C-alpha atoms as a PDB file:
ATOM      1  CA  UNK A   1      -6.168  26.718 146.735  1.00  0.00           C
ATOM      2  CA  UNK A   2      -8.018  24.409 144.347  1.00  0.00           C
ATOM      3  CA  UNK A   3     -11.404  25.148 142.794  1.00  0.00           C
ATOM      4  CA  UNK A   4     -12.954  22.203 144.580  1.00  0.00           C
ATOM      5  CA  UNK A   5     -11.730  23.494 147.929  1.00  0.00           C
ATOM      6  CA  UNK A   6     -12.956  27.051 147.189  1.00  0.00           C
ATOM      7  CA  UNK A   7     -16.316  25.676 146.089  1.00  0.00           C
ATOM      8  CA  UNK A   8     -16.411  23.549 149.213  1.00  0.00           C
ATOM      9  CA  UNK A   9     -15.680  26.576 151.372  1.00  0.00           C
ATOM     10  CA  UNK A  10     -18.475  28.610 149.803  1.00  0.00           C
ATOM     11  CA  UNK A  11     -20.717  25.574 149.847  1.00  0.00           C
ATOM     12  CA  UNK A  12     -20.086  25.371 153.578  1.00  0.00           C
ATOM     13  CA  UNK A  13     -21.465  28.912 153.904  1.00  0.00           C
ATOM     14  CA  UNK A  14     -24.698  28.018 152.075  1.00  0.00           C
ATOM     15  CA  UNK A  15     -25.049  24.261 152.551  1.00  0.00           C
ATOM     16  CA  UNK A  16     -28.830  24.073 152.757  1.00  0.00           C
ATOM     17  CA  UNK A  17     -29.419  26.194 149.662  1.00  0.00           C
ATOM     18  CA  UNK A  18     -26.849  24.396 147.535  1.00  0.00           C
ATOM     19  CA  UNK A  19     -28.234  21.012 148.597  1.00  0.00           C
ATOM     20  CA  UNK A  20     -31.694  22.031 147.362  1.00  0.00           C
ATOM     21  CA  UNK A  21     -30.491  22.552 143.805  1.00  0.00           C
ATOM     22  CA  UNK A  22     -31.790  20.069 141.236  1.00  0.00           C
ATOM     23  CA  UNK A  23     -29.491  18.291 138.715  1.00  0.00           C
ATOM     24  CA  UNK A  24     -27.384  20.391 136.319  1.00  0.00           C
ATOM     25  CA  UNK A  25     -29.846  20.781 133.436  1.00  0.00           C
ATOM     26  CA  UNK A  26     -32.742  21.607 135.745  1.00  0.00           C
ATOM     27  CA  UNK A  27     -30.529  23.988 137.734  1.00  0.00           C
ATOM     28  CA  UNK A  28     -29.671  25.896 134.573  1.00  0.00           C
ATOM     29  CA  UNK A  29     -33.348  26.049 133.631  1.00  0.00           C
ATOM     30  CA  UNK A  30     -34.234  27.410 137.072  1.00  0.00           C
ATOM     31  CA  UNK A  31     -31.399  29.936 136.748  1.00  0.00           C
ATOM     32  CA  UNK A  32     -32.790  31.031 133.366  1.00  0.00           C
ATOM     33  CA  UNK A  33     -36.261  31.522 134.803  1.00  0.00           C
ATOM     34  CA  UNK A  34     -35.057  33.340 137.926  1.00  0.00           C
ATOM     35  CA  UNK A  35     -32.730  35.551 135.866  1.00  0.00           C
ATOM     36  CA  UNK A  36     -35.575  36.426 133.510  1.00  0.00           C
ATOM     37  CA  UNK A  37     -37.992  37.261 136.320  1.00  0.00           C
ATOM     38  CA  UNK A  38     -35.358  39.218 138.261  1.00  0.00           C
ATOM     39  CA  UNK A  39     -34.959  41.584 135.307  1.00  0.00           C
ATOM     40  CA  UNK A  40     -38.663  42.392 135.335  1.00  0.00           C
ATOM     41  CA  UNK A  41     -40.501  43.971 138.246  1.00  0.00           C
ATOM     42  CA  UNK A  42     -40.492  40.677 140.206  1.00  0.00           C
ATOM     43  CA  UNK A  43     -38.199  41.107 143.232  1.00  0.00           C
ATOM     44  CA  UNK A  44     -35.800  38.165 142.859  1.00  0.00           C
ATOM     45  CA  UNK A  45     -32.041  37.999 143.284  1.00  0.00           C
ATOM     46  CA  UNK A  46     -30.625  36.015 140.375  1.00  0.00           C
ATOM     47  CA  UNK A  47     -27.130  36.489 141.780  1.00  0.00           C
ATOM     48  CA  UNK A  48     -27.984  34.252 144.746  1.00  0.00           C
ATOM     49  CA  UNK A  49     -29.118  31.473 142.398  1.00  0.00           C
ATOM     50  CA  UNK A  50     -26.008  31.858 140.266  1.00  0.00           C
ATOM     51  CA  UNK A  51     -23.681  31.661 143.267  1.00  0.00           C
ATOM     52  CA  UNK A  52     -25.561  28.707 144.751  1.00  0.00           C
ATOM     53  CA  UNK A  53     -25.279  26.876 141.440  1.00  0.00           C
ATOM     54  CA  UNK A  54     -21.550  27.641 141.289  1.00  0.00           C
ATOM     55  CA  UNK A  55     -21.120  26.415 144.858  1.00  0.00           C
ATOM     56  CA  UNK A  56     -22.789  23.117 143.999  1.00  0.00           C
ATOM     57  CA  UNK A  57     -21.356  22.710 140.488  1.00  0.00           C
ATOM     58  CA  UNK A  58     -18.331  24.969 139.826  1.00  0.00           C
ATOM     59  CA  UNK A  59     -17.681  23.097 136.565  1.00  0.00           C
ATOM     60  CA  UNK A  60     -20.865  24.636 135.119  1.00  0.00           C
ATOM     61  CA  UNK A  61     -19.574  28.210 135.327  1.00  0.00           C
ATOM     62  CA  UNK A  62     -19.496  28.901 131.543  1.00  0.00           C
ATOM     63  CA  UNK A  63     -23.038  27.602 131.039  1.00  0.00           C
ATOM     64  CA  UNK A  64     -24.290  29.345 134.187  1.00  0.00           C
ATOM     65  CA  UNK A  65     -22.745  32.645 133.058  1.00  0.00           C
ATOM     66  CA  UNK A  66     -24.349  32.353 129.616  1.00  0.00           C
ATOM     67  CA  UNK A  67     -27.754  31.271 130.938  1.00  0.00           C
ATOM     68  CA  UNK A  68     -27.929  34.017 133.578  1.00  0.00           C
ATOM     69  CA  UNK A  69     -26.927  36.639 130.998  1.00  0.00           C
ATOM     70  CA  UNK A  70     -29.455  35.443 128.410  1.00  0.00           C
ATOM     71  CA  UNK A  71     -32.284  35.199 130.954  1.00  0.00           C
ATOM     72  CA  UNK A  72     -31.623  38.585 132.500  1.00  0.00           C
ATOM     73  CA  UNK A  73     -31.231  40.248 129.099  1.00  0.00           C
ATOM     74  CA  UNK A  74     -34.502  38.707 127.911  1.00  0.00           C
ATOM     75  CA  UNK A  75     -36.250  40.043 131.013  1.00  0.00           C
ATOM     76  CA  UNK A  76     -34.944  43.552 130.374  1.00  0.00           C
ATOM     77  CA  UNK A  77     -35.973  43.333 126.730  1.00  0.00           C
ATOM     78  CA  UNK A  78     -39.457  42.370 127.887  1.00  0.00           C
ATOM     79  CA  UNK A  79     -39.537  45.549 129.966  1.00  0.00           C
ATOM     80  CA  UNK A  80     -38.274  47.460 126.897  1.00  0.00           C
ATOM     81  CA  UNK A  81     -41.107  45.934 124.817  1.00  0.00           C
ATOM     82  CA  UNK A  82     -43.676  46.894 127.446  1.00  0.00           C
ATOM     83  CA  UNK A  83     -42.389  50.466 127.248  1.00  0.00           C
ATOM     84  CA  UNK A  84     -42.780  50.406 123.497  1.00  0.00           C
ATOM     85  CA  UNK A  85     -46.312  49.025 123.755  1.00  0.00           C
ATOM     86  CA  UNK A  86     -47.212  51.584 126.430  1.00  0.00           C
ATOM     87  CA  UNK A  87     -46.269  54.388 124.087  1.00  0.00           C
ATOM     88  CA  UNK A  88     -49.761  54.403 122.538  1.00  0.00           C
ATOM     89  CA  UNK A  89     -51.395  54.982 125.936  1.00  0.00           C
ATOM     90  CA  UNK A  90     -49.221  57.916 127.026  1.00  0.00           C
ATOM     91  CA  UNK A  91     -49.635  61.604 126.454  1.00  0.00           C
ATOM     92  CA  UNK A  92     -47.101  62.651 123.766  1.00  0.00           C
ATOM     93  CA  UNK A  93     -46.213  65.723 125.829  1.00  0.00           C
ATOM     94  CA  UNK A  94     -44.662  63.387 128.407  1.00  0.00           C
ATOM     95  CA  UNK A  95     -41.950  62.544 125.874  1.00  0.00           C
ATOM     96  CA  UNK A  96     -40.556  66.008 126.559  1.00  0.00           C
ATOM     97  CA  UNK A  97     -39.884  65.251 130.249  1.00  0.00           C
ATOM     98  CA  UNK A  98     -36.416  65.800 131.694  1.00  0.00           C
ATOM     99  CA  UNK A  99     -35.698  62.096 132.111  1.00  0.00           C
ATOM    100  CA  UNK A 100     -36.828  61.294 128.594  1.00  0.00           C
ATOM    101  CA  UNK A 101     -34.726  64.130 127.179  1.00  0.00           C
ATOM    102  CA  UNK A 102     -31.694  62.933 129.166  1.00  0.00           C
ATOM    103  CA  UNK A 103     -31.996  59.367 127.831  1.00  0.00           C
ATOM    104  CA  UNK A 104     -32.696  60.532 124.303  1.00  0.00           C
ATOM    105  CA  UNK A 105     -29.545  62.735 124.376  1.00  0.00           C
ATOM    106  CA  UNK A 106     -27.290  59.963 125.658  1.00  0.00           C
ATOM    107  CA  UNK A 107     -28.871  57.155 123.652  1.00  0.00           C
ATOM    108  CA  UNK A 108     -28.642  53.409 123.995  1.00  0.00           C
ATOM    109  CA  UNK A 109     -25.160  53.243 125.649  1.00  0.00           C
ATOM    110  CA  UNK A 110     -26.887  54.282 128.894  1.00  0.00           C
ATOM    111  CA  UNK A 111     -28.530  50.850 128.851  1.00  0.00           C
ATOM    112  CA  UNK A 112     -25.173  49.418 129.910  1.00  0.00           C
ATOM    113  CA  UNK A 113     -26.518  50.337 133.374  1.00  0.00           C
ATOM    114  CA  UNK A 114     -29.626  48.165 132.953  1.00  0.00           C
ATOM    115  CA  UNK A 115     -28.216  45.766 135.563  1.00  0.00           C
ATOM    116  CA  UNK A 116     -28.698  48.309 138.358  1.00  0.00           C
ATOM    117  CA  UNK A 117     -31.589  47.557 140.733  1.00  0.00           C
ATOM    118  CA  UNK A 118     -34.687  49.740 140.161  1.00  0.00           C
ATOM    119  CA  UNK A 119     -32.821  52.173 137.893  1.00  0.00           C
ATOM    120  CA  UNK A 120     -32.225  49.482 135.263  1.00  0.00           C
ATOM    121  CA  UNK A 121     -35.904  48.603 134.983  1.00  0.00           C
ATOM    122  CA  UNK A 122     -36.816  52.260 134.562  1.00  0.00           C
ATOM    123  CA  UNK A 123     -34.101  52.773 131.931  1.00  0.00           C
ATOM    124  CA  UNK A 124     -35.326  49.806 129.870  1.00  0.00           C
ATOM    125  CA  UNK A 125     -38.953  50.880 130.135  1.00  0.00           C
ATOM    126  CA  UNK A 126     -38.134  54.460 129.161  1.00  0.00           C
ATOM    127  CA  UNK A 127     -35.889  53.317 126.287  1.00  0.00           C
ATOM    128  CA  UNK A 128     -38.765  51.307 124.871  1.00  0.00           C
ATOM    129  CA  UNK A 129     -41.176  54.173 125.399  1.00  0.00           C
ATOM    130  CA  UNK A 130     -38.815  56.506 123.542  1.00  0.00           C
ATOM    131  CA  UNK A 131     -38.541  53.892 120.778  1.00  0.00           C
ATOM    132  CA  UNK A 132     -34.751  53.847 120.945  1.00  0.00           C
ATOM    133  CA  UNK A 133     -33.361  51.364 118.379  1.00  0.00           C
ATOM    134  CA  UNK A 134     -33.981  47.818 119.589  1.00  0.00           C
ATOM    135  CA  UNK A 135     -30.810  46.085 118.367  1.00  0.00           C
ATOM    136  CA  UNK A 136     -28.335  48.554 119.909  1.00  0.00           C
ATOM    137  CA  UNK A 137     -30.469  48.587 123.063  1.00  0.00           C
ATOM    138  CA  UNK A 138     -30.299  44.788 123.269  1.00  0.00           C
ATOM    139  CA  UNK A 139     -26.525  44.817 122.752  1.00  0.00           C
ATOM    140  CA  UNK A 140     -25.889  47.417 125.474  1.00  0.00           C
ATOM    141  CA  UNK A 141     -28.247  45.672 127.897  1.00  0.00           C
ATOM    142  CA  UNK A 142     -26.562  42.297 127.261  1.00  0.00           C
ATOM    143  CA  UNK A 143     -23.077  43.805 127.694  1.00  0.00           C
ATOM    144  CA  UNK A 144     -23.996  45.269 131.083  1.00  0.00           C
ATOM    145  CA  UNK A 145     -25.620  42.052 132.275  1.00  0.00           C
ATOM    146  CA  UNK A 146     -22.658  39.951 131.088  1.00  0.00           C
ATOM    147  CA  UNK A 147     -20.173  42.253 132.824  1.00  0.00           C
ATOM    148  CA  UNK A 148     -22.060  42.019 136.118  1.00  0.00           C
ATOM    149  CA  UNK A 149     -22.381  38.221 136.049  1.00  0.00           C
ATOM    150  CA  UNK A 150     -18.775  37.782 134.854  1.00  0.00           C
ATOM    151  CA  UNK A 151     -17.593  39.907 137.789  1.00  0.00           C
ATOM    152  CA  UNK A 152     -19.616  37.739 140.186  1.00  0.00           C
ATOM    153  CA  UNK A 153     -18.208  34.519 138.723  1.00  0.00           C
ATOM    154  CA  UNK A 154     -14.665  35.915 138.883  1.00  0.00           C
ATOM    155  CA  UNK A 155     -15.147  37.020 142.513  1.00  0.00           C
ATOM    156  CA  UNK A 156     -16.604  33.612 143.372  1.00  0.00           C
ATOM    157  CA  UNK A 157     -13.479  31.842 142.165  1.00  0.00           C
ATOM    158  CA  UNK A 158     -11.218  34.383 143.911  1.00  0.00           C
ATOM    159  CA  UNK A 159     -12.785  33.758 147.321  1.00  0.00           C
END
């Protein structure tokens, strides 16, 4: 089955949504914004936007994958930064909590799970609050986000 036919089949499942998408550059910008907001506490589903964009323009998959990953990672890093800023307003005794101790023991690789709904936001916030190293945190967050979006893109083209 050709890509065009697969895209047409998925497009047939979401015709109204795919038809509402703006031109390619604007679609990628919207995807960036939605991906960013979805990684914060705003309840958005960036996956829906990614799949709708792929249904309308399957040729944009590399750019869409990169843009969704960058936007979602930036949103999680914003949550991380808020955790770091909130550190001054929190009782230092709270740093000894069970959750904080668990994350401190396991370190930044746990942030590979930052893509998980609800749990990911809390992990990023707590990592910032614990002042875990920013560069490794960013790398682990980005790796998790990329893996999730890459799996979605792969599944899209398998359908």
